[in-house]
Amino acid sequence: MQKRTPNTQGPSESNDSYRPGHLRSSVAPQTGTSWLGSRANTLRFSSIFQGGSSTLGFHSSSALDSRIADLRHNAGILRSPAQLSGSFLRSSAAPEPSGGSHIVPGRQPMNLPANSLSSRLNSLRSSATVQSSSSSGSSRVNSLAAQIGQSSIYSAGFETQQCVDVVFLCDVTGSMQYIIDAVYNKLEEIVDAVIDKFPGVLFRTAFVGYRDTTDGNGRLVIQDFQDDPAEMKRFIHTVRAWGGGGDGPEDVFGGLAAIPELAWRSKARIMLHIADMPCHGERFHGGRCRKDNHPDGDPNGHTAEDLLRCIFEKRIQYYFLKLTNETDMMIKIFNEIAMQYDRHIETKSLQSPVHDFVPTVVESISTSMRSSGFK
C-alpha cells in the first residue's frame, strides 16, 4: 500500500524475517525441578506478590536490573536475566538446551526456600523509590513475583491456568508508526491494569508485525512470548513503519500464518489484530481499495480458511481493532469462516487510537480471560 510519508529506515538487523520453525525468540529455559514444592505455595505466592497500584522504581534502571537478576538467579527460575520467555522452566527430564548455561560461571542458584524468597521480594518492593512518571519498576517486580508464583506449574509441564498469552498482530507499513508507538508506550500500563483485575496472573506478550509481500526480508517482524514487558518494549522500539508494496491491501495472511507458530502456553490465548487495510484479493474488499496488485488472492498461496482453522485449533481468541472501514468486508468474511468453528471475531473500533487504545485493549483481554475461567 502507498502510505503517507513513509519512514525510509529499513528494519533493524535484529528483526529477522519470519521463517517457519525459526521465530525470533529469547528462550532461556531452566532444567531441574522448581524450588516450589507444592501447588499451595504457588497459589500463596500468586496472592502475596500480586503487586499494588503504586509505582515502583530505582534511581537507575541498572540497579533495578541487578536486583531483579540476582533474585531471579537465586530462585533458580531463569537461566539468563537478559533472556526472558514463557518457557522459563522445564521438567527435570528435559534435555539441557544447546549453548550451555548463561549463569555466571562458578555461581550456582541458591534455590531459596519460600520464606526467604518472600522476604527478599518484599525488600525489593520496599527499597524502591516511589516515582509518579513511570510504571516500569512496578511492572517488572510484579512480573517477577508472578513468575515465581507460577514456577512450580511450569516445571511440572502443565498448562497454567493463571497465565495469559497476548499477541499484538500489527500492520507496520508506512502510516502505522502511531500504532507501533501506542503499543510501545502503553504496554506496561496495559499489563498493570490487567494484573490489577486478575491478581497474581502471569502476563506474557508477543509481537507480530507485517508489511506487504514485496517488502523482502522486512516483510515480517516477530518476537515470541516474553514474561517481562520491558524486554518486549526493547524489541518494539526497534520496529519502524515503512513499506507497503505500492497498493492498498497488505500481507495480512503472512502475519496470520505466523500466529500459530508462536510458543503458546496459557489457558487464555488472545490475538489483538490492529490494521487499517485488508488482505489481498477482491473477495475481501470488493474492489473498493484504490489498487490491489494481487486481486486473485494471496500470492504465497495462503487461504483464509486454512489460516483461521489453524488459529482456532490453537484455541486463540481473535480480536480485531478497527482503524478504517476498509477492513469491514474482510472481517465479515473472516467471521463467516469462524462460524464453522463456533467462533466469533469481535471487532472494536479505535476511533481515537491515542485515547481509546488502553481501555479497548484491557477490556478485550479481560473479557477473554473471564470467558476462559479467570475470576
Protein backbone atom coordinates (compact mmCIF):
# COMPACT_ATOMS: atom_id res chain seq x y z
CA MET A 1 0.00 0.00 0.00
CA GLN A 2 1.23 3.50 -0.81
CA LYS A 3 1.42 5.20 2.60
CA ARG A 4 1.78 8.83 3.59
CA THR A 5 5.32 9.99 4.41
CA PRO A 6 6.76 6.53 5.00
CA ASN A 7 9.81 6.13 7.16
CA THR A 8 12.67 5.22 4.85
CA GLN A 9 14.60 3.44 7.55
CA GLY A 10 14.57 -0.30 6.95
CA PRO A 11 14.19 -2.95 9.60
CA SER A 12 16.89 -3.41 12.19
CA GLU A 13 19.23 -6.30 11.52
CA SER A 14 17.91 -7.82 14.73
CA ASN A 15 14.47 -8.10 13.15
CA ASP A 16 14.85 -11.44 11.40
CA SER A 17 12.26 -12.18 8.74
CA TYR A 18 9.83 -14.94 9.53
CA ARG A 19 10.87 -18.42 8.68
CA PRO A 20 8.72 -21.38 9.78
CA GLY A 21 10.28 -23.04 12.76
CA HIS A 22 12.68 -20.13 13.30
CA LEU A 23 10.77 -17.42 15.12
CA ARG A 24 12.64 -14.62 16.85
CA SER A 25 12.71 -15.67 20.46
CA SER A 26 14.81 -15.24 23.52
CA VAL A 27 14.04 -18.53 25.16
CA ALA A 28 16.23 -19.40 28.09
CA PRO A 29 14.75 -22.46 29.79
CA GLN A 30 15.96 -23.88 33.07
CA THR A 31 16.40 -27.57 33.68
CA GLY A 32 15.73 -29.08 37.07
CA THR A 33 12.68 -29.09 39.28
CA SER A 34 11.21 -25.96 40.78
CA TRP A 35 12.10 -24.79 44.27
CA LEU A 36 8.39 -24.51 44.98
CA GLY A 37 7.26 -27.88 46.20
CA SER A 38 3.50 -27.61 46.11
CA ARG A 39 0.60 -26.05 44.26
CA ALA A 40 -0.48 -24.47 47.55
CA ASN A 41 2.76 -22.49 47.71
CA THR A 42 2.23 -21.47 44.11
CA LEU A 43 -1.18 -20.01 44.88
CA ARG A 44 0.11 -18.40 48.06
CA PHE A 45 2.88 -16.57 46.21
CA SER A 46 0.49 -15.53 43.45
CA SER A 47 -1.66 -13.91 46.12
CA ILE A 48 1.06 -12.36 48.28
CA PHE A 49 3.09 -10.83 45.46
CA GLN A 50 0.36 -9.59 43.18
CA GLY A 51 1.63 -6.02 43.44
CA GLY A 52 -0.38 -2.90 44.04
CA SER A 53 -1.18 0.17 42.03
CA SER A 54 1.77 2.14 43.38
CA THR A 55 4.61 2.97 41.02
CA LEU A 56 7.95 1.49 41.99
CA GLY A 57 11.36 2.22 40.60
CA PHE A 58 15.02 2.69 41.37
CA HIS A 59 17.29 5.66 40.97
CA SER A 60 18.73 3.85 37.96
CA SER A 61 17.36 1.08 35.76
CA SER A 62 20.67 -0.79 36.12
CA ALA A 63 20.19 -1.03 39.89
CA LEU A 64 16.73 -2.49 39.42
CA ASP A 65 18.03 -4.84 36.71
CA SER A 66 20.78 -6.03 39.03
CA ARG A 67 18.50 -6.78 41.97
CA ILE A 68 15.85 -8.48 39.86
CA ALA A 69 18.54 -10.54 38.11
CA ASP A 70 20.07 -11.58 41.43
CA LEU A 71 16.76 -12.64 42.93
CA ARG A 72 15.69 -14.42 39.78
CA HIS A 73 19.02 -16.26 39.66
CA ASN A 74 18.83 -17.35 43.30
CA ALA A 75 15.26 -18.54 42.85
CA GLY A 76 16.58 -20.76 40.04
CA ILE A 77 13.72 -19.80 37.75
CA LEU A 78 15.61 -18.46 34.70
CA ARG A 79 18.93 -19.20 33.06
CA SER A 80 19.53 -15.62 31.97
CA PRO A 81 18.04 -12.37 33.25
CA ALA A 82 18.56 -10.83 29.81
CA GLN A 83 16.67 -13.59 28.02
CA LEU A 84 13.05 -13.97 29.11
CA SER A 85 10.28 -16.09 27.64
CA GLY A 86 7.35 -18.22 28.67
CA SER A 87 9.48 -21.36 28.53
CA PHE A 88 11.42 -20.33 31.62
CA LEU A 89 11.23 -23.73 33.31
CA ARG A 90 11.30 -27.30 32.19
CA SER A 91 10.79 -30.57 33.97
CA SER A 92 13.80 -32.39 35.37
CA ALA A 93 13.55 -34.83 32.47
CA ALA A 94 14.03 -32.13 29.85
CA PRO A 95 17.34 -32.14 27.96
CA GLU A 96 19.93 -29.43 28.51
CA PRO A 97 19.39 -26.68 25.91
CA SER A 98 22.11 -26.09 23.37
CA GLY A 99 24.52 -23.29 24.09
CA GLY A 100 25.09 -24.07 27.77
CA SER A 101 24.15 -22.11 30.83
CA HIS A 102 24.11 -18.33 30.85
CA ILE A 103 24.53 -18.20 34.62
CA VAL A 104 27.76 -16.59 35.81
CA PRO A 105 30.41 -19.34 35.93
CA GLY A 106 31.04 -20.64 39.44
CA ARG A 107 27.87 -19.06 40.81
CA GLN A 108 25.06 -21.54 41.31
CA PRO A 109 21.47 -20.64 42.20
CA MET A 110 20.73 -20.77 45.93
CA ASN A 111 17.23 -22.23 45.31
CA LEU A 112 15.90 -20.15 48.15
CA PRO A 113 13.10 -21.53 50.34
CA ALA A 114 9.71 -19.87 50.22
CA ASN A 115 10.10 -17.76 53.38
CA SER A 116 13.49 -16.39 52.33
CA LEU A 117 12.30 -15.61 48.81
CA SER A 118 9.23 -13.91 50.27
CA SER A 119 11.42 -11.69 52.42
CA ARG A 120 13.66 -10.74 49.52
CA LEU A 121 10.75 -9.89 47.25
CA ASN A 122 9.24 -7.66 49.93
CA SER A 123 12.62 -5.99 50.39
CA LEU A 124 12.84 -5.40 46.64
CA ARG A 125 9.50 -3.62 46.77
CA SER A 126 10.11 -1.56 49.92
CA SER A 127 13.57 -0.36 48.90
CA ALA A 128 12.30 1.04 45.62
CA THR A 129 11.83 4.78 45.20
CA VAL A 130 8.26 5.90 44.51
CA GLN A 131 8.05 7.55 41.10
CA SER A 132 4.97 9.15 39.58
CA SER A 133 6.17 9.24 35.98
CA SER A 134 6.76 5.56 35.13
CA SER A 135 5.29 2.17 35.91
CA SER A 136 8.30 0.25 34.58
CA GLY A 137 9.64 -0.73 38.00
CA SER A 138 6.24 -1.83 39.25
CA SER A 139 5.60 -3.91 36.12
CA ARG A 140 8.96 -5.67 36.36
CA VAL A 141 8.64 -6.52 40.06
CA ASN A 142 5.07 -7.68 39.51
CA SER A 143 6.24 -9.82 36.60
CA LEU A 144 8.97 -11.43 38.71
CA ALA A 145 6.51 -12.17 41.51
CA ALA A 146 4.10 -13.75 39.05
CA GLN A 147 6.88 -15.85 37.54
CA ILE A 148 7.82 -17.14 40.98
CA GLY A 149 4.20 -17.83 41.79
CA GLN A 150 3.78 -19.89 38.63
CA SER A 151 7.15 -21.65 38.50
CA SER A 152 6.08 -24.98 40.01
CA ILE A 153 3.30 -25.28 37.44
CA TYR A 154 5.67 -24.65 34.56
CA SER A 155 8.32 -27.02 35.87
CA ALA A 156 5.74 -29.78 36.04
CA GLY A 157 4.94 -29.20 32.38
CA PHE A 158 1.31 -28.20 32.89
CA GLU A 159 -0.61 -25.52 31.04
CA THR A 160 -1.08 -22.91 33.71
CA GLN A 161 -4.50 -21.50 34.45
CA GLN A 162 -3.00 -18.35 36.00
CA CYS A 163 -1.26 -17.11 32.88
CA VAL A 164 -2.44 -15.14 29.84
CA ASP A 165 -0.78 -15.05 26.42
CA VAL A 166 -1.42 -11.89 24.37
CA VAL A 167 -0.01 -11.26 20.88
CA PHE A 168 -0.20 -7.92 19.09
CA LEU A 169 -0.61 -8.55 15.35
CA CYS A 170 0.06 -5.18 13.70
CA ASP A 171 0.27 -3.70 10.24
CA VAL A 172 3.65 -1.94 10.39
CA THR A 173 3.61 -0.27 6.96
CA GLY A 174 4.29 3.42 6.32
CA SER A 175 1.34 5.11 8.04
CA MET A 176 1.26 2.92 11.16
CA GLN A 177 4.06 4.36 13.29
CA TYR A 178 1.49 5.84 15.68
CA ILE A 179 0.15 2.34 16.38
CA ILE A 180 3.63 0.93 16.96
CA ASP A 181 4.25 3.84 19.33
CA ALA A 182 0.96 3.17 21.15
CA VAL A 183 1.89 -0.46 21.81
CA TYR A 184 5.36 0.61 22.96
CA ASN A 185 4.23 3.47 25.20
CA LYS A 186 1.20 1.78 26.75
CA LEU A 187 2.33 -1.83 27.16
CA GLU A 188 3.27 -1.59 30.84
CA GLU A 189 0.09 0.32 31.64
CA ILE A 190 -1.92 -2.46 29.99
CA VAL A 191 -0.06 -5.17 31.90
CA ASP A 192 -0.57 -3.40 35.24
CA ALA A 193 -4.28 -2.82 34.55
CA VAL A 194 -4.86 -6.50 33.79
CA ILE A 195 -2.87 -7.63 36.85
CA ASP A 196 -4.97 -5.27 38.99
CA LYS A 197 -8.11 -7.04 37.72
CA PHE A 198 -6.62 -10.54 37.98
CA PRO A 199 -4.08 -10.53 40.86
CA GLY A 200 -1.20 -12.95 40.52
CA VAL A 201 -1.63 -13.60 36.81
CA LEU A 202 1.49 -14.02 34.67
CA PHE A 203 1.10 -11.77 31.61
CA ARG A 204 3.08 -12.85 28.53
CA THR A 205 3.23 -10.78 25.35
CA ALA A 206 4.33 -11.41 21.78
CA PHE A 207 4.53 -9.14 18.74
CA VAL A 208 4.00 -9.93 15.04
CA GLY A 209 4.30 -7.08 12.54
CA TYR A 210 3.57 -7.47 8.83
CA ARG A 211 4.14 -5.27 5.79
CA ASP A 212 3.49 -6.39 2.19
CA THR A 213 4.57 -9.35 0.11
CA THR A 214 7.08 -7.26 -1.86
CA ASP A 215 8.94 -5.95 1.20
CA GLY A 216 11.63 -8.64 1.20
CA ASN A 217 13.33 -9.57 4.45
CA GLY A 218 11.35 -6.90 6.29
CA ARG A 219 8.01 -8.42 5.34
CA LEU A 220 7.52 -9.78 8.86
CA VAL A 221 8.99 -8.81 12.24
CA ILE A 222 8.36 -11.30 15.03
CA GLN A 223 9.13 -11.56 18.72
CA ASP A 224 7.89 -14.64 20.54
CA PHE A 225 6.33 -14.55 24.01
CA GLN A 226 8.10 -12.66 26.78
CA ASP A 227 7.32 -12.52 30.51
CA ASP A 228 8.90 -9.12 31.09
CA PRO A 229 7.19 -6.13 29.43
CA ALA A 230 10.48 -4.22 29.48
CA GLU A 231 12.06 -6.89 27.28
CA MET A 232 9.14 -6.71 24.84
CA LYS A 233 9.40 -2.93 24.72
CA ARG A 234 13.08 -3.22 23.79
CA PHE A 235 12.06 -5.23 20.76
CA ILE A 236 9.15 -2.99 19.74
CA HIS A 237 11.48 0.01 19.98
CA THR A 238 13.41 -1.43 17.01
CA VAL A 239 10.31 -1.66 14.78
CA ARG A 240 9.78 1.15 12.28
CA ALA A 241 6.82 1.78 9.97
CA TRP A 242 7.80 1.51 6.30
CA GLY A 243 6.92 -0.32 3.10
CA GLY A 244 3.51 -1.33 1.84
CA GLY A 245 4.01 -2.56 -1.74
CA GLY A 246 2.54 0.47 -3.55
CA ASP A 247 -1.08 -0.74 -3.36
CA GLY A 248 -3.90 -0.77 -0.83
CA PRO A 249 -4.03 -4.30 0.67
CA GLU A 250 -1.23 -5.66 2.86
CA ASP A 251 0.23 -9.06 3.73
CA VAL A 252 -2.36 -9.83 6.40
CA PHE A 253 -2.14 -13.54 5.57
CA GLY A 254 1.61 -13.57 6.18
CA GLY A 255 1.02 -12.19 9.67
CA LEU A 256 -1.80 -14.64 10.40
CA ALA A 257 0.39 -17.56 9.25
CA ALA A 258 2.97 -16.70 11.92
CA ILE A 259 0.50 -16.70 14.82
CA PRO A 260 0.09 -20.49 15.39
CA GLU A 261 3.89 -20.88 15.30
CA LEU A 262 4.36 -18.85 18.48
CA ALA A 263 5.09 -20.61 21.79
CA TRP A 264 1.53 -20.57 23.12
CA ARG A 265 1.29 -21.95 26.63
CA SER A 266 -1.55 -20.39 28.58
CA LYS A 267 -5.19 -21.24 29.03
CA ALA A 268 -6.18 -17.72 27.90
CA ARG A 269 -4.82 -17.08 24.39
CA ILE A 270 -5.57 -13.72 22.82
CA MET A 271 -4.68 -12.12 19.48
CA LEU A 272 -5.19 -8.37 19.07
CA HIS A 273 -5.10 -7.57 15.35
CA ILE A 274 -4.65 -3.86 14.52
CA ALA A 275 -4.93 -2.81 10.87
CA ASP A 276 -6.21 -0.09 8.54
CA MET A 277 -6.22 -2.11 5.30
CA PRO A 278 -7.48 -5.58 4.25
CA CYS A 279 -5.63 -8.57 2.85
CA HIS A 280 -5.04 -9.14 -0.85
CA GLY A 281 -7.90 -10.45 -3.01
CA GLU A 282 -11.02 -8.69 -4.31
CA ARG A 283 -13.07 -11.20 -2.34
CA PHE A 284 -12.02 -9.34 0.82
CA HIS A 285 -12.56 -5.74 -0.30
CA GLY A 286 -14.93 -5.91 -3.30
CA GLY A 287 -12.59 -3.86 -5.45
CA ARG A 288 -13.12 -0.81 -3.24
CA CYS A 289 -9.41 -0.48 -2.44
CA ARG A 290 -7.58 2.01 -4.66
CA LYS A 291 -5.49 -0.76 -6.13
CA ASP A 292 -4.68 -4.42 -5.44
CA ASN A 293 -1.59 -5.92 -7.05
CA HIS A 294 -2.94 -9.41 -6.25
CA PRO A 295 -6.70 -9.28 -6.92
CA ASP A 296 -6.94 -13.07 -7.14
CA GLY A 297 -5.70 -13.54 -3.58
CA ASP A 298 -2.55 -14.16 -1.60
CA PRO A 299 0.46 -14.63 -3.90
CA ASN A 300 2.04 -17.11 -1.48
CA GLY A 301 -0.91 -19.49 -1.68
CA HIS A 302 -2.38 -18.90 1.79
CA THR A 303 -6.16 -19.10 2.20
CA ALA A 304 -8.28 -17.52 4.88
CA GLU A 305 -9.93 -20.87 5.57
CA ASP A 306 -6.64 -22.64 6.34
CA LEU A 307 -5.17 -19.77 8.34
CA LEU A 308 -8.21 -19.29 10.56
CA ARG A 309 -8.59 -23.04 11.08
CA CYS A 310 -5.03 -23.20 12.43
CA ILE A 311 -5.66 -20.23 14.72
CA PHE A 312 -8.90 -21.63 16.12
CA GLU A 313 -7.38 -25.09 16.58
CA LYS A 314 -4.83 -23.39 18.85
CA ARG A 315 -7.78 -22.03 20.89
CA ILE A 316 -6.77 -18.42 20.19
CA GLN A 317 -9.39 -15.71 20.69
CA TYR A 318 -9.26 -13.26 17.77
CA TYR A 319 -10.00 -9.57 18.41
CA PHE A 320 -9.86 -7.04 15.58
CA LEU A 321 -9.12 -3.41 16.46
CA LYS A 322 -10.55 -1.45 13.55
CA LEU A 323 -9.00 1.78 12.29
CA THR A 324 -10.90 2.33 8.99
CA ASN A 325 -13.93 1.00 7.11
CA GLU A 326 -11.60 -0.53 4.51
CA THR A 327 -11.38 -3.73 6.57
CA ASP A 328 -15.14 -4.31 7.05
CA MET A 329 -15.62 -6.83 4.22
CA MET A 330 -12.51 -8.79 5.24
CA ILE A 331 -13.70 -9.23 8.82
CA LYS A 332 -17.22 -10.10 7.62
CA ILE A 333 -15.79 -12.96 5.54
CA PHE A 334 -13.45 -13.99 8.37
CA ASN A 335 -16.47 -14.26 10.66
CA GLU A 336 -18.35 -16.39 8.15
CA ILE A 337 -15.42 -18.79 8.29
CA ALA A 338 -15.22 -18.54 12.08
CA MET A 339 -18.85 -19.67 12.41
CA GLN A 340 -17.79 -23.09 11.10
CA TYR A 341 -15.72 -23.46 14.27
CA ASP A 342 -18.33 -21.92 16.58
CA ARG A 343 -16.13 -18.84 16.93
CA HIS A 344 -16.62 -15.12 16.51
CA ILE A 345 -14.09 -12.39 15.75
CA GLU A 346 -15.06 -9.43 17.88
CA THR A 347 -14.41 -6.06 16.28
CA LYS A 348 -13.66 -2.97 18.37
CA SER A 349 -13.33 0.44 16.77
CA LEU A 350 -10.38 2.63 17.68
CA GLN A 351 -11.99 5.96 16.82
CA SER A 352 -9.31 7.78 18.80
CA PRO A 353 -6.34 5.40 18.98
CA VAL A 354 -4.42 7.62 21.40
CA HIS A 355 -7.25 7.78 23.96
CA ASP A 356 -9.08 4.51 23.22
CA PHE A 357 -6.10 2.18 22.98
CA VAL A 358 -5.54 1.21 26.62
CA PRO A 359 -9.21 0.82 27.68
CA THR A 360 -10.06 -1.08 24.47
CA VAL A 361 -7.13 -3.49 24.85
CA VAL A 362 -7.67 -4.03 28.59
CA GLU A 363 -11.40 -4.64 28.08
CA SER A 364 -10.72 -7.16 25.29
CA ILE A 365 -8.15 -9.06 27.36
CA SER A 366 -10.31 -9.03 30.49
CA THR A 367 -13.38 -10.28 28.61
CA SER A 368 -11.42 -13.12 27.08
CA MET A 369 -9.87 -14.08 30.43
CA ARG A 370 -13.26 -14.23 32.13
CA SER A 371 -14.59 -16.45 29.35
CA SER A 372 -11.59 -18.70 29.96
CA GLY A 373 -12.46 -19.10 33.63
CA PHE A 374 -10.43 -16.36 35.30
CA LYS A 375 -12.04 -14.59 38.24
